[in-house]
Protein backbone atom coordinates (compact mmCIF):
# COMPACT_ATOMS: atom_id res chain seq x y z
CA MET A 1 -97.00 98.94 -81.47
CA THR A 2 -100.29 97.79 -82.92
CA GLN A 3 -100.08 94.97 -85.40
CA VAL A 4 -102.64 92.87 -87.28
CA LEU A 5 -101.81 89.59 -88.95
CA LEU A 6 -104.01 88.57 -91.86
CA GLY A 7 -105.74 85.22 -91.79
CA GLU A 8 -105.56 82.86 -94.73
CA ASN A 9 -108.90 83.86 -96.31
CA GLU A 10 -109.43 87.15 -94.51
CA GLY A 11 -110.40 90.22 -96.49
CA ILE A 12 -108.58 93.51 -96.20
CA GLU A 13 -111.76 95.22 -94.96
CA SER A 14 -112.07 93.00 -91.90
CA ALA A 15 -108.34 93.33 -91.15
CA LEU A 16 -108.60 97.10 -91.38
CA ARG A 17 -111.61 97.03 -89.06
CA ARG A 18 -109.63 94.97 -86.52
CA PHE A 19 -106.67 97.34 -86.83
CA LYS A 20 -108.87 100.39 -86.19
CA ARG A 21 -110.41 98.69 -83.16
CA GLN A 22 -106.97 97.86 -81.72
CA VAL A 23 -105.73 101.41 -82.28
CA SER A 24 -108.83 102.77 -80.57
CA ARG A 25 -108.43 100.47 -77.57
CA ALA A 26 -104.74 101.29 -77.24
CA GLY A 27 -105.54 105.02 -77.14
CA ILE A 28 -103.03 105.87 -79.84
CA LEU A 29 -105.21 108.42 -81.65
CA ALA A 30 -106.23 110.11 -78.41
CA ASP A 31 -102.56 110.45 -77.51
CA VAL A 32 -101.72 111.92 -80.92
CA LYS A 33 -104.56 114.43 -80.68
CA LYS A 34 -103.48 115.36 -77.15
CA ARG A 35 -99.92 116.10 -78.27
CA ARG A 36 -100.91 117.92 -81.47
CA TYR A 37 -101.34 121.39 -79.97
CA PHE A 38 -100.44 123.37 -76.86
CA GLU A 39 -102.89 122.96 -74.01
CA THR A 40 -103.38 125.75 -71.48
CA SER A 41 -103.43 124.95 -67.77
CA GLN A 42 -107.19 125.63 -67.67
CA GLU A 43 -107.82 123.12 -70.48
CA LYS A 44 -105.58 120.60 -68.70
CA ARG A 45 -107.56 120.93 -65.46
CA LYS A 46 -110.85 120.58 -67.34
CA ARG A 47 -109.66 117.46 -69.18
CA LYS A 48 -108.41 115.87 -65.95
CA ALA A 49 -111.69 116.65 -64.17
CA VAL A 50 -113.68 115.01 -66.96
CA ALA A 51 -111.40 111.97 -66.87
CA ALA A 52 -111.77 111.71 -63.08
CA ARG A 53 -115.56 111.83 -63.35
CA ARG A 54 -115.48 109.15 -66.04
CA GLN A 55 -113.18 106.97 -63.90
CA LYS A 56 -115.38 107.44 -60.83
CA ARG A 57 -118.49 106.38 -62.75
CA PHE A 58 -116.96 102.99 -63.58
CA TYR A 59 -115.87 102.17 -60.02
């Protein structure tokens, strides 16, 4: 669960920016998009191959 606590003199814009950043880092939106529609086995293989290439690049 992503949660943002407001500082004493913090504006709502900066808190919203922090919240969006935390949601992005947690991968919540990517998970929602992934579960939104049915994915064929071909699309699944393609997505996993892209993820493997991305993982391999960082190690």
